[in-house]
Amino acid sequence: MTILHKLTLNLIFTVFVVSALRIVEQLDLKLEPQMEDLEKYLEDYVSNKPFALLLDYDGTLAAIQPHPNMTYMTEYTKEALLNISSYPNVYLAVISGRGVDDVKTKVGIDGIVYAGNHGLEILYPNGTRYIHEVPSDVKANFTKMVDALENLKRDGSWVENKKFSVTFHFRAVPEKDHEKINNEAKEIIEKFGYRANPAHCAIEAKPPVVWHKGKAAEYILNHSFGKDWREKIQVVFAGDDTTDEDVFELLQGIGVTFRVTKDPNIVTKATYKVPSTEAVTKVLQWVDKKFGNK
């Protein structure tokens, strides 16, 4: 066996071992984590630096429901989040696929940052807003696209118009027809120059701009802490969807991230997997206890 061959085999083996360890690490929290688990995974990370907590809403702070209007945070989640929002050494932001005013109404906490439409719009506590620029020709097609999707509705599917983006929901449609109606909606969305992104029993129409939750998180942290925020703060983020993977990627090697999923085989860039919104509540309660005692 040549030296080059041996080196190649050693490299392959090393990559395999690192990947295996990564999978084991992610599966560590596949059961409901207890406070002692969070001590293990967060205690050594938290120091005297400013602490930023970024959170998704649907599927993270609130369990997924048949209709977005039915979602709610439990009293334990709301209590922990309200406490955290009052701590001067914790920075809190919610980054959602909902419209920004919608998610603010759902969370109902003043004095924190809200990002809606996957970060296309950001609302600061003082009332100022950041709106990401969308090409005028694309904006001109928005109403036409919404009308076409409205005409597609059947069997309980419906259109959520978020002003800058649209979500076509088909959770109520018989499962055997999901693929067909998804493909039809995708065709309409792309016809009008928008990007069609998969979601939970839905498809999202987003403008064709290089902007997503990861870019929004970076913008928010740049705006609040400066472009050197990576050296100045510590960040924790939790999300449940493929749209949250961009934030997981942004924070790899920098922060601690949680992907909410019951699927043990799902591939994610998050640091850890947790199985439910209840597990996220435990993370919030840990943060509340940690910073409430300072």
Protein backbone atom coordinates (compact mmCIF):
# COMPACT_ATOMS: atom_id res chain seq x y z
CA MET A 1 0.00 0.00 0.00
CA THR A 2 1.41 3.37 -1.01
CA ILE A 3 1.91 6.23 1.48
CA LEU A 4 -0.66 8.29 -0.46
CA HIS A 5 -3.15 5.44 -0.22
CA LYS A 6 -2.60 5.17 3.56
CA LEU A 7 -3.00 8.91 4.01
CA THR A 8 -6.25 8.84 2.00
CA LEU A 9 -7.63 5.98 4.11
CA ASN A 10 -6.64 7.78 7.32
CA LEU A 11 -8.39 10.94 6.14
CA ILE A 12 -11.55 9.02 5.25
CA PHE A 13 -11.50 7.28 8.64
CA THR A 14 -11.03 10.61 10.45
CA VAL A 15 -13.95 12.20 8.60
CA PHE A 16 -16.09 9.14 9.40
CA VAL A 17 -15.25 9.29 13.12
CA VAL A 18 -15.88 13.06 13.34
CA SER A 19 -19.21 12.63 11.51
CA ALA A 20 -20.22 9.77 13.79
CA LEU A 21 -19.37 11.77 16.90
CA ARG A 22 -21.38 14.70 15.52
CA ILE A 23 -24.42 12.43 15.02
CA VAL A 24 -24.09 11.01 18.53
CA GLU A 25 -23.80 14.55 19.92
CA GLN A 26 -26.95 15.65 18.09
CA LEU A 27 -28.88 12.62 19.33
CA ASP A 28 -27.85 13.29 22.93
CA LEU A 29 -30.93 15.43 23.52
CA LYS A 30 -33.42 13.44 21.45
CA LEU A 31 -35.35 12.72 24.66
CA GLU A 32 -36.88 15.57 26.63
CA PRO A 33 -33.85 17.36 28.17
CA GLN A 34 -33.81 18.03 31.88
CA MET A 35 -32.25 21.09 33.52
CA GLU A 36 -29.09 19.12 34.28
CA ASP A 37 -28.73 18.34 30.57
CA LEU A 38 -28.86 22.04 29.78
CA GLU A 39 -26.30 22.72 32.48
CA LYS A 40 -24.01 20.35 30.59
CA TYR A 41 -24.58 21.93 27.18
CA LEU A 42 -24.89 25.61 28.07
CA GLU A 43 -23.15 26.31 31.37
CA ASP A 44 -19.63 26.22 29.95
CA TYR A 45 -20.71 28.36 26.99
CA VAL A 46 -22.24 31.23 28.96
CA SER A 47 -19.77 33.76 30.40
CA ASN A 48 -19.76 37.44 31.21
CA LYS A 49 -20.14 38.48 27.57
CA PRO A 50 -23.48 39.91 26.40
CA PHE A 51 -25.91 37.09 25.66
CA ALA A 52 -28.19 37.09 22.60
CA LEU A 53 -31.16 34.72 22.41
CA LEU A 54 -32.73 34.37 18.96
CA LEU A 55 -35.87 32.29 18.48
CA ASP A 56 -38.24 31.10 15.79
CA TYR A 57 -41.95 31.15 16.69
CA ASP A 58 -44.04 28.45 14.95
CA GLY A 59 -42.86 24.99 15.96
CA THR A 60 -40.35 26.46 18.41
CA LEU A 61 -42.05 28.79 20.89
CA ALA A 62 -45.51 27.51 19.97
CA ALA A 63 -46.54 24.06 18.77
CA ILE A 64 -47.71 23.72 15.15
CA GLN A 65 -51.50 23.82 14.84
CA PRO A 66 -53.89 23.08 11.94
CA HIS A 67 -54.18 26.85 11.34
CA PRO A 68 -51.58 29.54 12.25
CA ASN A 69 -54.24 31.57 14.06
CA MET A 70 -54.63 28.70 16.54
CA THR A 71 -51.02 28.73 17.79
CA TYR A 72 -50.19 29.93 21.27
CA MET A 73 -47.33 29.86 23.75
CA THR A 74 -47.89 27.97 26.99
CA GLU A 75 -47.99 29.95 30.23
CA TYR A 76 -44.57 28.51 31.15
CA THR A 77 -43.05 29.63 27.85
CA LYS A 78 -44.59 33.09 28.10
CA GLU A 79 -43.48 33.51 31.72
CA ALA A 80 -39.87 32.53 30.99
CA LEU A 81 -39.74 34.69 27.85
CA LEU A 82 -41.23 37.69 29.65
CA ASN A 83 -38.69 37.35 32.45
CA ILE A 84 -35.80 37.03 30.00
CA SER A 85 -36.94 40.14 28.11
CA SER A 86 -36.48 42.19 31.28
CA TYR A 87 -32.85 41.23 31.91
CA PRO A 88 -30.47 44.00 30.78
CA ASN A 89 -27.68 41.52 29.95
CA VAL A 90 -29.85 39.45 27.59
CA TYR A 91 -30.71 40.54 24.04
CA LEU A 92 -33.89 38.90 22.71
CA ALA A 93 -35.17 38.63 19.13
CA VAL A 94 -37.84 36.53 17.41
CA ILE A 95 -37.25 35.67 13.74
CA SER A 96 -40.32 34.23 12.04
CA GLY A 97 -41.77 33.38 8.67
CA ARG A 98 -44.94 35.22 9.67
CA GLY A 99 -45.55 38.87 8.92
CA VAL A 100 -43.71 40.97 11.50
CA ASP A 101 -46.83 42.52 13.04
CA ASP A 102 -48.48 39.10 13.19
CA VAL A 103 -45.61 37.50 15.10
CA LYS A 104 -45.37 40.48 17.46
CA THR A 105 -49.07 40.08 18.26
CA LYS A 106 -48.61 36.35 18.85
CA VAL A 107 -45.62 36.74 21.17
CA GLY A 108 -46.99 39.87 22.80
CA ILE A 109 -43.82 41.11 24.48
CA ASP A 110 -42.67 44.72 24.12
CA GLY A 111 -39.07 45.90 24.09
CA ILE A 112 -37.62 43.13 21.90
CA VAL A 113 -36.74 42.81 18.22
CA TYR A 114 -39.12 41.06 15.81
CA ALA A 115 -38.24 39.91 12.30
CA GLY A 116 -40.99 38.76 9.94
CA ASN A 117 -41.20 37.25 6.47
CA HIS A 118 -37.97 35.35 7.18
CA GLY A 119 -36.24 38.64 7.91
CA LEU A 120 -37.50 40.72 4.98
CA GLU A 121 -38.96 43.08 7.59
CA ILE A 122 -37.48 43.83 11.01
CA LEU A 123 -39.24 45.81 13.73
CA TYR A 124 -37.19 47.40 16.52
CA PRO A 125 -38.52 48.30 19.99
CA ASN A 126 -38.48 52.03 19.16
CA GLY A 127 -40.83 51.43 16.23
CA THR A 128 -38.29 51.78 13.40
CA ARG A 129 -38.43 49.18 10.65
CA TYR A 130 -35.98 47.66 8.22
CA ILE A 131 -37.55 46.55 4.94
CA HIS A 132 -35.31 44.58 2.60
CA GLU A 133 -35.37 45.88 -0.96
CA VAL A 134 -37.25 43.78 -3.53
CA PRO A 135 -36.91 44.43 -7.29
CA SER A 136 -39.80 46.54 -8.61
CA ASP A 137 -40.65 44.12 -11.43
CA VAL A 138 -41.00 41.28 -8.91
CA LYS A 139 -43.16 43.40 -6.60
CA ALA A 140 -45.40 44.21 -9.58
CA ASN A 141 -46.18 40.49 -9.94
CA PHE A 142 -47.08 39.96 -6.29
CA THR A 143 -50.83 40.62 -6.52
CA LYS A 144 -51.10 38.54 -9.70
CA MET A 145 -49.40 35.62 -7.97
CA VAL A 146 -51.67 35.89 -4.92
CA ASP A 147 -54.76 35.92 -7.18
CA ALA A 148 -53.54 32.84 -9.05
CA LEU A 149 -52.90 30.98 -5.79
CA GLU A 150 -56.34 32.01 -4.52
CA ASN A 151 -57.84 30.43 -7.65
CA LEU A 152 -55.90 27.23 -6.93
CA LYS A 153 -57.46 26.75 -3.48
CA ARG A 154 -59.44 23.55 -2.90
CA ASP A 155 -60.08 20.87 -0.27
CA GLY A 156 -59.24 23.16 2.65
CA SER A 157 -56.05 24.71 1.25
CA TRP A 158 -55.67 28.44 1.77
CA VAL A 159 -53.42 31.41 1.04
CA GLU A 160 -51.60 33.41 3.72
CA ASN A 161 -50.72 36.82 2.30
CA LYS A 162 -47.87 38.36 4.32
CA LYS A 163 -47.42 41.45 2.07
CA PHE A 164 -43.82 40.59 1.17
CA SER A 165 -44.21 36.85 0.83
CA VAL A 166 -47.01 34.29 0.57
CA THR A 167 -47.56 30.87 2.10
CA PHE A 168 -49.87 28.38 0.39
CA HIS A 169 -51.10 25.99 3.10
CA PHE A 170 -52.40 22.50 2.27
CA ARG A 171 -52.34 20.71 5.65
CA ALA A 172 -56.13 20.13 5.46
CA VAL A 173 -55.90 18.62 1.96
CA PRO A 174 -56.04 14.78 1.86
CA GLU A 175 -52.47 13.53 2.17
CA LYS A 176 -52.65 11.62 -1.10
CA ASP A 177 -53.13 14.96 -2.91
CA HIS A 178 -50.31 16.88 -1.16
CA GLU A 179 -47.73 16.34 -3.87
CA LYS A 180 -50.09 17.35 -6.68
CA ILE A 181 -51.30 20.59 -5.12
CA ASN A 182 -47.77 21.43 -3.95
CA ASN A 183 -46.49 21.09 -7.51
CA GLU A 184 -49.32 23.21 -8.88
CA ALA A 185 -48.62 25.97 -6.37
CA LYS A 186 -44.89 25.75 -7.10
CA GLU A 187 -45.54 26.22 -10.81
CA ILE A 188 -47.62 29.35 -10.17
CA ILE A 189 -45.06 30.83 -7.78
CA GLU A 190 -42.15 30.34 -10.18
CA LYS A 191 -44.19 31.62 -13.12
CA PHE A 192 -44.40 35.03 -11.42
CA GLY A 193 -40.69 35.17 -10.62
CA TYR A 194 -40.79 34.15 -6.97
CA ARG A 195 -38.89 31.36 -5.25
CA ALA A 196 -40.89 28.35 -4.09
CA ASN A 197 -39.60 26.98 -0.77
CA PRO A 198 -41.02 23.90 0.99
CA ALA A 199 -42.44 24.24 4.52
CA HIS A 200 -44.55 22.14 6.91
CA CYS A 201 -47.52 21.05 4.71
CA ALA A 202 -47.11 24.30 2.82
CA ILE A 203 -45.09 26.02 0.15
CA GLU A 204 -43.73 29.52 0.54
CA ALA A 205 -43.35 32.14 -2.18
CA LYS A 206 -40.40 34.41 -1.50
CA PRO A 207 -38.92 37.19 -3.63
CA PRO A 208 -35.75 36.17 -5.52
CA VAL A 209 -33.34 38.11 -3.33
CA VAL A 210 -30.31 36.81 -1.44
CA TRP A 211 -31.97 37.16 1.95
CA HIS A 212 -33.11 34.61 4.51
CA LYS A 213 -33.25 34.08 8.27
CA GLY A 214 -29.48 33.68 8.45
CA LYS A 215 -28.91 37.02 6.71
CA ALA A 216 -31.54 38.62 8.93
CA ALA A 217 -29.92 37.27 12.09
CA GLU A 218 -26.56 38.61 10.96
CA TYR A 219 -28.09 42.00 10.13
CA ILE A 220 -29.79 42.18 13.55
CA LEU A 221 -26.57 41.30 15.40
CA ASN A 222 -24.49 43.70 13.27
CA HIS A 223 -26.99 46.48 13.94
CA SER A 224 -27.09 45.87 17.69
CA PHE A 225 -23.49 44.84 18.52
CA GLY A 226 -21.36 45.88 15.54
CA LYS A 227 -19.77 43.79 12.80
CA ASP A 228 -17.39 42.24 15.32
CA TRP A 229 -20.27 40.68 17.28
CA ARG A 230 -18.71 37.23 16.87
CA GLU A 231 -15.95 38.24 19.28
CA LYS A 232 -18.15 40.29 21.62
CA ILE A 233 -21.24 38.21 22.37
CA GLN A 234 -22.58 34.70 22.82
CA VAL A 235 -25.60 33.55 20.84
CA VAL A 236 -28.20 30.81 21.28
CA PHE A 237 -30.80 30.12 18.58
CA ALA A 238 -33.68 27.64 18.34
CA GLY A 239 -35.76 26.81 15.26
CA ASP A 240 -37.65 23.89 13.80
CA ASP A 241 -37.73 24.23 10.00
CA THR A 242 -35.48 24.07 6.96
CA THR A 243 -35.67 27.88 6.84
CA ASP A 244 -33.85 27.95 10.19
CA GLU A 245 -30.87 26.03 8.80
CA ASP A 246 -29.40 29.30 7.48
CA VAL A 247 -29.18 30.58 11.07
CA PHE A 248 -27.68 27.28 12.23
CA GLU A 249 -25.04 27.65 9.51
CA LEU A 250 -24.30 31.27 10.46
CA LEU A 251 -23.69 30.27 14.08
CA GLN A 252 -21.67 27.10 13.50
CA GLY A 253 -18.57 27.27 15.67
CA ILE A 254 -19.82 30.53 17.21
CA GLY A 255 -23.04 29.84 19.10
CA VAL A 256 -25.21 27.03 20.43
CA THR A 257 -28.22 26.09 18.30
CA PHE A 258 -31.18 23.74 18.70
CA ARG A 259 -33.25 22.13 15.92
CA VAL A 260 -36.71 21.12 17.11
CA THR A 261 -37.53 17.79 15.48
CA LYS A 262 -38.81 14.36 16.39
CA ASP A 263 -37.01 12.82 13.40
CA PRO A 264 -33.77 11.19 14.63
CA ASN A 265 -32.52 10.89 11.04
CA ILE A 266 -32.95 14.49 9.97
CA VAL A 267 -29.71 16.15 8.86
CA THR A 268 -29.16 19.55 10.44
CA LYS A 269 -26.44 22.12 10.97
CA ALA A 270 -27.72 22.77 14.49
CA THR A 271 -25.54 21.91 17.46
CA TYR A 272 -28.24 19.77 19.07
CA LYS A 273 -31.64 18.31 18.33
CA VAL A 274 -34.53 18.60 20.77
CA PRO A 275 -37.88 16.90 20.24
CA SER A 276 -40.52 19.51 21.08
CA THR A 277 -41.55 23.02 21.99
CA GLU A 278 -41.58 21.80 25.62
CA ALA A 279 -37.84 21.19 25.30
CA VAL A 280 -37.39 24.77 24.06
CA THR A 281 -39.32 25.97 27.10
CA LYS A 282 -36.78 24.16 29.28
CA VAL A 283 -34.01 26.05 27.47
CA LEU A 284 -35.84 29.32 28.21
CA GLN A 285 -36.30 28.35 31.85
CA TRP A 286 -32.58 27.59 32.09
CA VAL A 287 -31.73 31.02 30.64
CA ASP A 288 -34.27 32.65 32.98
CA LYS A 289 -32.73 30.94 36.01
CA LYS A 290 -29.17 31.67 34.89
CA PHE A 291 -29.59 35.39 34.21
CA GLY A 292 -32.29 36.00 36.83
CA ASN A 293 -29.74 35.18 39.52
CA LYS A 294 -27.19 37.73 38.28
